[in-house]
PDB file of N, CA and C in Angstrom:
ATOM      1  N   UNK A   1     -24.292  -9.888 -19.557  1.00  0.00           N
ATOM      2  CA  UNK A   1     -25.487 -10.695 -19.395  1.00  0.00           C
ATOM      3  C   UNK A   1     -26.624 -10.006 -20.134  1.00  0.00           C
ATOM      4  N   UNK A   2     -27.392 -10.763 -20.877  1.00  0.00           N
ATOM      5  CA  UNK A   2     -28.530 -10.260 -21.630  1.00  0.00           C
ATOM      6  C   UNK A   2     -29.792 -10.757 -20.941  1.00  0.00           C
ATOM      7  N   UNK A   3     -30.400  -9.901 -20.109  1.00  0.00           N
ATOM      8  CA  UNK A   3     -31.557 -10.312 -19.312  1.00  0.00           C
ATOM      9  C   UNK A   3     -32.538  -9.149 -19.233  1.00  0.00           C
ATOM     10  N   UNK A   4     -33.803  -9.430 -19.544  1.00  0.00           N
ATOM     11  CA  UNK A   4     -34.845  -8.406 -19.528  1.00  0.00           C
ATOM     12  C   UNK A   4     -36.003  -8.886 -18.659  1.00  0.00           C
ATOM     13  N   UNK A   5     -36.476  -8.032 -17.750  1.00  0.00           N
ATOM     14  CA  UNK A   5     -37.684  -8.272 -16.955  1.00  0.00           C
ATOM     15  C   UNK A   5     -38.635  -7.116 -17.208  1.00  0.00           C
ATOM     16  N   UNK A   6     -39.861  -7.420 -17.579  1.00  0.00           N
ATOM     17  CA  UNK A   6     -40.864  -6.392 -17.825  1.00  0.00           C
ATOM     18  C   UNK A   6     -42.177  -6.791 -17.156  1.00  0.00           C
ATOM     19  N   UNK A   7     -42.873  -5.814 -16.604  1.00  0.00           N
ATOM     20  CA  UNK A   7     -44.218  -6.017 -16.084  1.00  0.00           C
ATOM     21  C   UNK A   7     -45.081  -4.939 -16.722  1.00  0.00           C
ATOM     22  N   UNK A   8     -46.104  -5.377 -17.444  1.00  0.00           N
ATOM     23  CA  UNK A   8     -46.939  -4.408 -18.137  1.00  0.00           C
ATOM     24  C   UNK A   8     -48.219  -5.035 -18.645  1.00  0.00           C
ATOM     25  N   UNK A   9     -48.806  -4.375 -19.644  1.00  0.00           N
ATOM     26  CA  UNK A   9     -50.065  -4.839 -20.226  1.00  0.00           C
ATOM     27  C   UNK A   9     -49.899  -5.027 -21.726  1.00  0.00           C
ATOM     28  N   UNK A  10     -50.577  -6.041 -22.233  1.00  0.00           N
ATOM     29  CA  UNK A  10     -50.537  -6.276 -23.671  1.00  0.00           C
ATOM     30  C   UNK A  10     -51.246  -5.124 -24.378  1.00  0.00           C
ATOM     31  N   UNK A  11     -50.551  -4.512 -25.332  1.00  0.00           N
ATOM     32  CA  UNK A  11     -51.130  -3.404 -26.088  1.00  0.00           C
ATOM     33  C   UNK A  11     -51.624  -3.848 -27.449  1.00  0.00           C
ATOM     34  N   UNK A  12     -51.345  -5.089 -27.805  1.00  0.00           N
ATOM     35  CA  UNK A  12     -51.856  -5.647 -29.055  1.00  0.00           C
ATOM     36  C   UNK A  12     -52.132  -7.129 -28.839  1.00  0.00           C
ATOM     37  N   UNK A  13     -53.097  -7.638 -29.585  1.00  0.00           N
ATOM     38  CA  UNK A  13     -53.358  -9.078 -29.539  1.00  0.00           C
ATOM     39  C   UNK A  13     -52.171  -9.785 -30.175  1.00  0.00           C
ATOM     40  N   UNK A  14     -51.832 -10.980 -29.710  1.00  0.00           N
ATOM     41  CA  UNK A  14     -50.700 -11.683 -30.299  1.00  0.00           C
ATOM     42  C   UNK A  14     -50.972 -12.062 -31.756  1.00  0.00           C
ATOM     43  N   UNK A  15     -49.988 -11.807 -32.593  1.00  0.00           N
ATOM     44  CA  UNK A  15     -50.056 -12.185 -34.005  1.00  0.00           C
ATOM     45  C   UNK A  15     -49.227 -13.457 -34.150  1.00  0.00           C
ATOM     46  N   UNK A  16     -49.878 -14.571 -34.477  1.00  0.00           N
ATOM     47  CA  UNK A  16     -49.183 -15.851 -34.592  1.00  0.00           C
ATOM     48  C   UNK A  16     -48.865 -16.116 -36.054  1.00  0.00           C
ATOM     49  N   UNK A  17     -47.591 -16.397 -36.316  1.00  0.00           N
ATOM     50  CA  UNK A  17     -47.115 -16.652 -37.674  1.00  0.00           C
ATOM     51  C   UNK A  17     -46.480 -18.034 -37.706  1.00  0.00           C
ATOM     52  N   UNK A  18     -46.855 -18.822 -38.702  1.00  0.00           N
ATOM     53  CA  UNK A  18     -46.215 -20.123 -38.894  1.00  0.00           C
ATOM     54  C   UNK A  18     -45.146 -19.968 -39.962  1.00  0.00           C
ATOM     55  N   UNK A  19     -43.922 -20.343 -39.613  1.00  0.00           N
ATOM     56  CA  UNK A  19     -42.794 -20.218 -40.522  1.00  0.00           C
ATOM     57  C   UNK A  19     -42.730 -21.422 -41.461  1.00  0.00           C
ATOM     58  N   UNK A  20     -41.913 -21.305 -42.500  1.00  0.00           N
ATOM     59  CA  UNK A  20     -41.784 -22.357 -43.513  1.00  0.00           C
ATOM     60  C   UNK A  20     -41.351 -23.690 -42.901  1.00  0.00           C
ATOM     61  N   UNK A  21     -40.572 -23.636 -41.809  1.00  0.00           N
ATOM     62  CA  UNK A  21     -40.090 -24.867 -41.173  1.00  0.00           C
ATOM     63  C   UNK A  21     -41.112 -25.472 -40.199  1.00  0.00           C
ATOM     64  N   UNK A  22     -42.304 -24.871 -40.100  1.00  0.00           N
ATOM     65  CA  UNK A  22     -43.357 -25.394 -39.233  1.00  0.00           C
ATOM     66  C   UNK A  22     -43.385 -24.785 -37.844  1.00  0.00           C
ATOM     67  N   UNK A  23     -42.328 -24.085 -37.444  1.00  0.00           N
ATOM     68  CA  UNK A  23     -42.321 -23.432 -36.126  1.00  0.00           C
ATOM     69  C   UNK A  23     -43.257 -22.235 -36.147  1.00  0.00           C
ATOM     70  N   UNK A  24     -43.796 -21.920 -34.973  1.00  0.00           N
ATOM     71  CA  UNK A  24     -44.680 -20.763 -34.838  1.00  0.00           C
ATOM     72  C   UNK A  24     -44.029 -19.722 -33.934  1.00  0.00           C
ATOM     73  N   UNK A  25     -44.357 -18.461 -34.210  1.00  0.00           N
ATOM     74  CA  UNK A  25     -43.894 -17.339 -33.387  1.00  0.00           C
ATOM     75  C   UNK A  25     -45.116 -16.473 -33.082  1.00  0.00           C
ATOM     76  N   UNK A  26     -45.211 -16.008 -31.851  1.00  0.00           N
ATOM     77  CA  UNK A  26     -46.269 -15.071 -31.454  1.00  0.00           C
ATOM     78  C   UNK A  26     -45.604 -13.727 -31.200  1.00  0.00           C
ATOM     79  N   UNK A  27     -46.047 -12.712 -31.902  1.00  0.00           N
ATOM     80  CA  UNK A  27     -45.500 -11.361 -31.743  1.00  0.00           C
ATOM     81  C   UNK A  27     -46.584 -10.455 -31.170  1.00  0.00           C
ATOM     82  N   UNK A  28     -46.185  -9.607 -30.224  1.00  0.00           N
ATOM     83  CA  UNK A  28     -47.131  -8.673 -29.625  1.00  0.00           C
ATOM     84  C   UNK A  28     -46.376  -7.504 -29.011  1.00  0.00           C
ATOM     85  N   UNK A  29     -47.129  -6.497 -28.610  1.00  0.00           N
ATOM     86  CA  UNK A  29     -46.552  -5.304 -27.988  1.00  0.00           C
ATOM     87  C   UNK A  29     -46.990  -5.266 -26.526  1.00  0.00           C
ATOM     88  N   UNK A  30     -46.033  -5.001 -25.649  1.00  0.00           N
ATOM     89  CA  UNK A  30     -46.282  -4.869 -24.218  1.00  0.00           C
ATOM     90  C   UNK A  30     -45.981  -3.427 -23.822  1.00  0.00           C
ATOM     91  N   UNK A  31     -46.904  -2.782 -23.121  1.00  0.00           N
ATOM     92  CA  UNK A  31     -46.651  -1.424 -22.639  1.00  0.00           C
ATOM     93  C   UNK A  31     -46.314  -1.474 -21.151  1.00  0.00           C
ATOM     94  N   UNK A  32     -45.330  -0.675 -20.780  1.00  0.00           N
ATOM     95  CA  UNK A  32     -44.949  -0.543 -19.377  1.00  0.00           C
ATOM     96  C   UNK A  32     -45.085   0.917 -18.984  1.00  0.00           C
ATOM     97  N   UNK A  33     -45.293   1.149 -17.707  1.00  0.00           N
ATOM     98  CA  UNK A  33     -45.466   2.499 -17.186  1.00  0.00           C
ATOM     99  C   UNK A  33     -44.538   2.711 -16.009  1.00  0.00           C
ATOM    100  N   UNK A  34     -43.984   3.891 -15.937  1.00  0.00           N
ATOM    101  CA  UNK A  34     -43.184   4.241 -14.764  1.00  0.00           C
ATOM    102  C   UNK A  34     -43.585   5.633 -14.293  1.00  0.00           C
ATOM    103  N   UNK A  35     -43.502   5.836 -12.991  1.00  0.00           N
ATOM    104  CA  UNK A  35     -43.841   7.125 -12.393  1.00  0.00           C
ATOM    105  C   UNK A  35     -42.571   7.798 -11.891  1.00  0.00           C
ATOM    106  N   UNK A  36     -42.568   9.125 -11.954  1.00  0.00           N
ATOM    107  CA  UNK A  36     -41.431   9.906 -11.479  1.00  0.00           C
ATOM    108  C   UNK A  36     -41.915  11.290 -11.044  1.00  0.00           C
ATOM    109  N   UNK A  37     -41.071  11.983 -10.330  1.00  0.00           N
ATOM    110  CA  UNK A  37     -41.384  13.348  -9.907  1.00  0.00           C
ATOM    111  C   UNK A  37     -40.711  14.323 -10.844  1.00  0.00           C
ATOM    112  N   UNK A  38     -41.478  15.333 -11.307  1.00  0.00           N
ATOM    113  CA  UNK A  38     -40.872  16.365 -12.146  1.00  0.00           C
ATOM    114  C   UNK A  38     -40.170  17.397 -11.260  1.00  0.00           C
ATOM    115  N   UNK A  39     -39.624  18.444 -11.841  1.00  0.00           N
ATOM    116  CA  UNK A  39     -38.848  19.447 -11.115  1.00  0.00           C
ATOM    117  C   UNK A  39     -39.668  20.150 -10.027  1.00  0.00           C
ATOM    118  N   UNK A  40     -40.997  20.243 -10.220  1.00  0.00           N
ATOM    119  CA  UNK A  40     -41.863  20.899  -9.237  1.00  0.00           C
ATOM    120  C   UNK A  40     -42.399  19.923  -8.192  1.00  0.00           C
ATOM    121  N   UNK A  41     -42.018  18.653  -8.259  1.00  0.00           N
ATOM    122  CA  UNK A  41     -42.473  17.667  -7.286  1.00  0.00           C
ATOM    123  C   UNK A  41     -43.787  16.991  -7.636  1.00  0.00           C
ATOM    124  N   UNK A  42     -44.286  17.212  -8.853  1.00  0.00           N
ATOM    125  CA  UNK A  42     -45.526  16.570  -9.295  1.00  0.00           C
ATOM    126  C   UNK A  42     -45.232  15.162  -9.812  1.00  0.00           C
ATOM    127  N   UNK A  43     -46.143  14.259  -9.520  1.00  0.00           N
ATOM    128  CA  UNK A  43     -45.995  12.883 -10.012  1.00  0.00           C
ATOM    129  C   UNK A  43     -46.388  12.831 -11.487  1.00  0.00           C
ATOM    130  N   UNK A  44     -45.489  12.328 -12.292  1.00  0.00           N
ATOM    131  CA  UNK A  44     -45.715  12.176 -13.732  1.00  0.00           C
ATOM    132  C   UNK A  44     -45.619  10.703 -14.083  1.00  0.00           C
ATOM    133  N   UNK A  45     -46.231  10.335 -15.195  1.00  0.00           N
ATOM    134  CA  UNK A  45     -46.208   8.960 -15.661  1.00  0.00           C
ATOM    135  C   UNK A  45     -45.671   8.920 -17.087  1.00  0.00           C
ATOM    136  N   UNK A  46     -44.868   7.903 -17.371  1.00  0.00           N
ATOM    137  CA  UNK A  46     -44.275   7.757 -18.695  1.00  0.00           C
ATOM    138  C   UNK A  46     -44.493   6.317 -19.162  1.00  0.00           C
ATOM    139  N   UNK A  47     -44.959   6.149 -20.395  1.00  0.00           N
ATOM    140  CA  UNK A  47     -45.185   4.813 -20.954  1.00  0.00           C
ATOM    141  C   UNK A  47     -44.123   4.470 -21.981  1.00  0.00           C
ATOM    142  N   UNK A  48     -43.817   3.185 -22.058  1.00  0.00           N
ATOM    143  CA  UNK A  48     -42.907   2.649 -23.072  1.00  0.00           C
ATOM    144  C   UNK A  48     -43.615   1.469 -23.727  1.00  0.00           C
ATOM    145  N   UNK A  49     -43.360   1.260 -25.014  1.00  0.00           N
ATOM    146  CA  UNK A  49     -43.927   0.135 -25.737  1.00  0.00           C
ATOM    147  C   UNK A  49     -42.792  -0.750 -26.212  1.00  0.00           C
ATOM    148  N   UNK A  50     -42.927  -2.047 -25.966  1.00  0.00           N
ATOM    149  CA  UNK A  50     -41.873  -3.013 -26.265  1.00  0.00           C
ATOM    150  C   UNK A  50     -42.394  -4.079 -27.229  1.00  0.00           C
ATOM    151  N   UNK A  51     -41.625  -4.365 -28.257  1.00  0.00           N
ATOM    152  CA  UNK A  51     -41.948  -5.433 -29.203  1.00  0.00           C
ATOM    153  C   UNK A  51     -41.458  -6.747 -28.608  1.00  0.00           C
ATOM    154  N   UNK A  52     -42.336  -7.743 -28.517  1.00  0.00           N
ATOM    155  CA  UNK A  52     -41.978  -9.037 -27.945  1.00  0.00           C
ATOM    156  C   UNK A  52     -42.241 -10.161 -28.936  1.00  0.00           C
ATOM    157  N   UNK A  53     -41.466 -11.230 -28.792  1.00  0.00           N
ATOM    158  CA  UNK A  53     -41.636 -12.429 -29.616  1.00  0.00           C
ATOM    159  C   UNK A  53     -41.562 -13.641 -28.701  1.00  0.00           C
ATOM    160  N   UNK A  54     -42.501 -14.569 -28.886  1.00  0.00           N
ATOM    161  CA  UNK A  54     -42.532 -15.781 -28.072  1.00  0.00           C
ATOM    162  C   UNK A  54     -42.512 -16.997 -28.987  1.00  0.00           C
ATOM    163  N   UNK A  55     -41.800 -18.030 -28.551  1.00  0.00           N
ATOM    164  CA  UNK A  55     -41.666 -19.271 -29.302  1.00  0.00           C
ATOM    165  C   UNK A  55     -42.145 -20.429 -28.439  1.00  0.00           C
ATOM    166  N   UNK A  56     -42.213 -21.609 -29.029  1.00  0.00           N
ATOM    167  CA  UNK A  56     -42.485 -22.835 -28.281  1.00  0.00           C
ATOM    168  C   UNK A  56     -43.831 -22.824 -27.593  1.00  0.00           C
ATOM    169  N   UNK A  57     -43.840 -23.284 -26.343  1.00  0.00           N
ATOM    170  CA  UNK A  57     -45.105 -23.442 -25.606  1.00  0.00           C
ATOM    171  C   UNK A  57     -45.817 -22.115 -25.375  1.00  0.00           C
ATOM    172  N   UNK A  58     -45.073 -21.004 -25.358  1.00  0.00           N
ATOM    173  CA  UNK A  58     -45.698 -19.707 -25.090  1.00  0.00           C
ATOM    174  C   UNK A  58     -46.591 -19.260 -26.239  1.00  0.00           C
ATOM    175  N   UNK A  59     -46.343 -19.765 -27.451  1.00  0.00           N
ATOM    176  CA  UNK A  59     -47.205 -19.416 -28.584  1.00  0.00           C
ATOM    177  C   UNK A  59     -48.629 -19.888 -28.308  1.00  0.00           C
ATOM    178  N   UNK A  60     -48.777 -21.130 -27.889  1.00  0.00           N
ATOM    179  CA  UNK A  60     -50.109 -21.672 -27.618  1.00  0.00           C
ATOM    180  C   UNK A  60     -50.784 -20.938 -26.460  1.00  0.00           C
ATOM    181  N   UNK A  61     -50.026 -20.646 -25.399  1.00  0.00           N
ATOM    182  CA  UNK A  61     -50.591 -19.922 -24.252  1.00  0.00           C
ATOM    183  C   UNK A  61     -51.109 -18.559 -24.698  1.00  0.00           C
ATOM    184  N   UNK A  62     -50.307 -17.839 -25.454  1.00  0.00           N
ATOM    185  CA  UNK A  62     -50.710 -16.501 -25.909  1.00  0.00           C
ATOM    186  C   UNK A  62     -51.847 -16.567 -26.920  1.00  0.00           C
ATOM    187  N   UNK A  63     -51.820 -17.581 -27.780  1.00  0.00           N
ATOM    188  CA  UNK A  63     -52.874 -17.749 -28.778  1.00  0.00           C
ATOM    189  C   UNK A  63     -54.223 -17.991 -28.104  1.00  0.00           C
ATOM    190  N   UNK A  64     -54.234 -18.788 -27.046  1.00  0.00           N
ATOM    191  CA  UNK A  64     -55.475 -19.138 -26.357  1.00  0.00           C
ATOM    192  C   UNK A  64     -55.927 -18.076 -25.357  1.00  0.00           C
ATOM    193  N   UNK A  65     -54.981 -17.470 -24.625  1.00  0.00           N
ATOM    194  CA  UNK A  65     -55.347 -16.586 -23.512  1.00  0.00           C
ATOM    195  C   UNK A  65     -55.015 -15.114 -23.720  1.00  0.00           C
ATOM    196  N   UNK A  66     -54.070 -14.822 -24.598  1.00  0.00           N
ATOM    197  CA  UNK A  66     -53.588 -13.448 -24.759  1.00  0.00           C
ATOM    198  C   UNK A  66     -54.643 -12.514 -25.307  1.00  0.00           C
ATOM    199  N   UNK A  67     -54.758 -11.335 -24.694  1.00  0.00           N
ATOM    200  CA  UNK A  67     -55.732 -10.344 -25.135  1.00  0.00           C
ATOM    201  C   UNK A  67     -55.256  -8.954 -24.732  1.00  0.00           C
ATOM    202  N   UNK A  68     -55.687  -7.965 -25.465  1.00  0.00           N
ATOM    203  CA  UNK A  68     -55.313  -6.581 -25.181  1.00  0.00           C
ATOM    204  C   UNK A  68     -55.729  -6.220 -23.755  1.00  0.00           C
ATOM    205  N   UNK A  69     -54.826  -5.594 -23.021  1.00  0.00           N
ATOM    206  CA  UNK A  69     -55.106  -5.170 -21.651  1.00  0.00           C
ATOM    207  C   UNK A  69     -54.705  -6.173 -20.596  1.00  0.00           C
ATOM    208  N   UNK A  70     -54.343  -7.394 -21.007  1.00  0.00           N
ATOM    209  CA  UNK A  70     -53.953  -8.429 -20.044  1.00  0.00           C
ATOM    210  C   UNK A  70     -52.613  -8.071 -19.411  1.00  0.00           C
ATOM    211  N   UNK A  71     -52.534  -8.212 -18.092  1.00  0.00           N
ATOM    212  CA  UNK A  71     -51.284  -7.964 -17.383  1.00  0.00           C
ATOM    213  C   UNK A  71     -50.338  -9.147 -17.514  1.00  0.00           C
ATOM    214  N   UNK A  72     -49.073  -8.860 -17.801  1.00  0.00           N
ATOM    215  CA  UNK A  72     -48.061  -9.902 -17.949  1.00  0.00           C
ATOM    216  C   UNK A  72     -46.771  -9.506 -17.248  1.00  0.00           C
ATOM    217  N   UNK A  73     -46.118 -10.490 -16.664  1.00  0.00           N
ATOM    218  CA  UNK A  73     -44.741 -10.340 -16.189  1.00  0.00           C
ATOM    219  C   UNK A  73     -43.898 -11.193 -17.128  1.00  0.00           C
ATOM    220  N   UNK A  74     -42.901 -10.582 -17.735  1.00  0.00           N
ATOM    221  CA  UNK A  74     -42.092 -11.232 -18.766  1.00  0.00           C
ATOM    222  C   UNK A  74     -40.646 -11.310 -18.315  1.00  0.00           C
ATOM    223  N   UNK A  75     -40.029 -12.455 -18.567  1.00  0.00           N
ATOM    224  CA  UNK A  75     -38.579 -12.615 -18.399  1.00  0.00           C
ATOM    225  C   UNK A  75     -38.065 -13.074 -19.750  1.00  0.00           C
ATOM    226  N   UNK A  76     -37.016 -12.426 -20.239  1.00  0.00           N
ATOM    227  CA  UNK A  76     -36.497 -12.795 -21.547  1.00  0.00           C
ATOM    228  C   UNK A  76     -35.151 -12.170 -21.824  1.00  0.00           C
ATOM    229  N   UNK A  77     -34.851 -12.042 -23.128  1.00  0.00           N
ATOM    230  CA  UNK A  77     -33.587 -11.449 -23.549  1.00  0.00           C
ATOM    231  C   UNK A  77     -33.824 -10.577 -24.775  1.00  0.00           C
ATOM    232  N   UNK A  78     -32.973  -9.600 -24.956  1.00  0.00           N
ATOM    233  CA  UNK A  78     -33.062  -8.707 -26.097  1.00  0.00           C
ATOM    234  C   UNK A  78     -32.382  -9.358 -27.291  1.00  0.00           C
ATOM    235  N   UNK A  79     -33.102  -9.437 -28.418  1.00  0.00           N
ATOM    236  CA  UNK A  79     -32.544 -10.024 -29.628  1.00  0.00           C
ATOM    237  C   UNK A  79     -32.735  -9.078 -30.801  1.00  0.00           C
ATOM    238  N   UNK A  80     -31.903  -9.221 -31.799  1.00  0.00           N
ATOM    239  CA  UNK A  80     -32.031  -8.479 -33.045  1.00  0.00           C
ATOM    240  C   UNK A  80     -32.023  -9.488 -34.173  1.00  0.00           C
ATOM    241  N   UNK A  81     -32.976  -9.349 -35.085  1.00  0.00           N
ATOM    242  CA  UNK A  81     -33.004 -10.230 -36.240  1.00  0.00           C
ATOM    243  C   UNK A  81     -33.093  -9.388 -37.504  1.00  0.00           C
ATOM    244  N   UNK A  82     -32.680  -9.988 -38.591  1.00  0.00           N
ATOM    245  CA  UNK A  82     -32.640  -9.299 -39.870  1.00  0.00           C
ATOM    246  C   UNK A  82     -33.573  -9.986 -40.858  1.00  0.00           C
ATOM    247  N   UNK A  83     -34.157  -9.202 -41.741  1.00  0.00           N
ATOM    248  CA  UNK A  83     -35.044  -9.735 -42.769  1.00  0.00           C
ATOM    249  C   UNK A  83     -35.001  -8.805 -43.972  1.00  0.00           C
ATOM    250  N   UNK A  84     -35.569  -9.254 -45.086  1.00  0.00           N
ATOM    251  CA  UNK A  84     -35.686  -8.417 -46.278  1.00  0.00           C
ATOM    252  C   UNK A  84     -37.148  -8.054 -46.468  1.00  0.00           C
ATOM    253  N   UNK A  85     -37.391  -6.764 -46.723  1.00  0.00           N
ATOM    254  CA  UNK A  85     -38.767  -6.319 -46.936  1.00  0.00           C
ATOM    255  C   UNK A  85     -39.199  -6.651 -48.368  1.00  0.00           C
ATOM    256  N   UNK A  86     -40.397  -6.211 -48.742  1.00  0.00           N
ATOM    257  CA  UNK A  86     -40.937  -6.515 -50.068  1.00  0.00           C
ATOM    258  C   UNK A  86     -40.090  -5.964 -51.203  1.00  0.00           C
ATOM    259  N   UNK A  87     -39.328  -4.928 -50.934  1.00  0.00           N
ATOM    260  CA  UNK A  87     -38.466  -4.321 -51.954  1.00  0.00           C
ATOM    261  C   UNK A  87     -37.077  -4.953 -51.978  1.00  0.00           C
ATOM    262  N   UNK A  88     -36.855  -5.957 -51.124  1.00  0.00           N
ATOM    263  CA  UNK A  88     -35.555  -6.624 -51.077  1.00  0.00           C
ATOM    264  C   UNK A  88     -34.521  -5.903 -50.233  1.00  0.00           C
ATOM    265  N   UNK A  89     -34.950  -4.877 -49.490  1.00  0.00           N
ATOM    266  CA  UNK A  89     -34.036  -4.116 -48.646  1.00  0.00           C
ATOM    267  C   UNK A  89     -33.851  -4.826 -47.305  1.00  0.00           C
ATOM    268  N   UNK A  90     -32.614  -4.864 -46.823  1.00  0.00           N
ATOM    269  CA  UNK A  90     -32.320  -5.510 -45.555  1.00  0.00           C
ATOM    270  C   UNK A  90     -32.776  -4.604 -44.403  1.00  0.00           C
ATOM    271  N   UNK A  91     -33.513  -5.179 -43.473  1.00  0.00           N
ATOM    272  CA  UNK A  91     -34.021  -4.460 -42.305  1.00  0.00           C
ATOM    273  C   UNK A  91     -33.642  -5.221 -41.043  1.00  0.00           C
ATOM    274  N   UNK A  92     -33.636  -4.502 -39.924  1.00  0.00           N
ATOM    275  CA  UNK A  92     -33.342  -5.109 -38.622  1.00  0.00           C
ATOM    276  C   UNK A  92     -34.460  -4.738 -37.658  1.00  0.00           C
ATOM    277  N   UNK A  93     -34.747  -5.659 -36.763  1.00  0.00           N
ATOM    278  CA  UNK A  93     -35.730  -5.396 -35.713  1.00  0.00           C
ATOM    279  C   UNK A  93     -35.170  -5.940 -34.400  1.00  0.00           C
ATOM    280  N   UNK A  94     -35.293  -5.128 -33.348  1.00  0.00           N
ATOM    281  CA  UNK A  94     -34.899  -5.568 -32.007  1.00  0.00           C
ATOM    282  C   UNK A  94     -36.170  -5.830 -31.214  1.00  0.00           C
ATOM    283  N   UNK A  95     -36.172  -6.934 -30.483  1.00  0.00           N
ATOM    284  CA  UNK A  95     -37.344  -7.300 -29.715  1.00  0.00           C
ATOM    285  C   UNK A  95     -36.919  -8.109 -28.499  1.00  0.00           C
ATOM    286  N   UNK A  96     -37.828  -8.238 -27.556  1.00  0.00           N
ATOM    287  CA  UNK A  96     -37.580  -9.061 -26.383  1.00  0.00           C
ATOM    288  C   UNK A  96     -38.098 -10.465 -26.702  1.00  0.00           C
ATOM    289  N   UNK A  97     -37.215 -11.441 -26.604  1.00  0.00           N
ATOM    290  CA  UNK A  97     -37.602 -12.838 -26.805  1.00  0.00           C
ATOM    291  C   UNK A  97     -38.014 -13.415 -25.454  1.00  0.00           C
ATOM    292  N   UNK A  98     -39.243 -13.880 -25.369  1.00  0.00           N
ATOM    293  CA  UNK A  98     -39.815 -14.362 -24.113  1.00  0.00           C
ATOM    294  C   UNK A  98     -39.232 -15.727 -23.741  1.00  0.00           C
ATOM    295  N   UNK A  99     -38.688 -15.814 -22.526  1.00  0.00           N
ATOM    296  CA  UNK A  99     -38.241 -17.094 -21.974  1.00  0.00           C
ATOM    297  C   UNK A  99     -39.282 -17.637 -20.991  1.00  0.00           C
ATOM    298  N   UNK A 100     -39.942 -16.720 -20.267  1.00  0.00           N
ATOM    299  CA  UNK A 100     -40.929 -17.101 -19.271  1.00  0.00           C
ATOM    300  C   UNK A 100     -41.935 -15.978 -19.137  1.00  0.00           C
ATOM    301  N   UNK A 101     -43.164 -16.327 -18.816  1.00  0.00           N
ATOM    302  CA  UNK A 101     -44.172 -15.296 -18.586  1.00  0.00           C
ATOM    303  C   UNK A 101     -45.155 -15.747 -17.529  1.00  0.00           C
ATOM    304  N   UNK A 102     -45.734 -14.769 -16.858  1.00  0.00           N
ATOM    305  CA  UNK A 102     -46.754 -15.004 -15.842  1.00  0.00           C
ATOM    306  C   UNK A 102     -47.920 -14.076 -16.176  1.00  0.00           C
ATOM    307  N   UNK A 103     -49.120 -14.645 -16.243  1.00  0.00           N
ATOM    308  CA  UNK A 103     -50.312 -13.821 -16.458  1.00  0.00           C
ATOM    309  C   UNK A 103     -50.725 -13.245 -15.112  1.00  0.00           C
ATOM    310  N   UNK A 104     -50.876 -11.929 -15.063  1.00  0.00           N
ATOM    311  CA  UNK A 104     -51.218 -11.249 -13.802  1.00  0.00           C
ATOM    312  C   UNK A 104     -52.709 -10.995 -13.686  1.00  0.00           C
TER     313      UNK A 104
END
């Protein structure tokens, strides 16, 4: 099963791109934080940054309301896509594709 749940804050404003076929994609970064105890029993915090992509109705929601620091709960799936850079080299990017989101 390919299922991702994340709760965090937007670390970048959504970048909306219109593709040649007319579809739009909103790309942004979501940061998550987790706390843990180190070997001495001190509480430590660790951040992770996740690349996200949203399609369909979520593009408009993010375009209108999305802003740096906004809290989001995301449900989606991990995807990998391939593209060619300016030099014609094949590249891959893994990102979370948003299926549902809740603004916190």
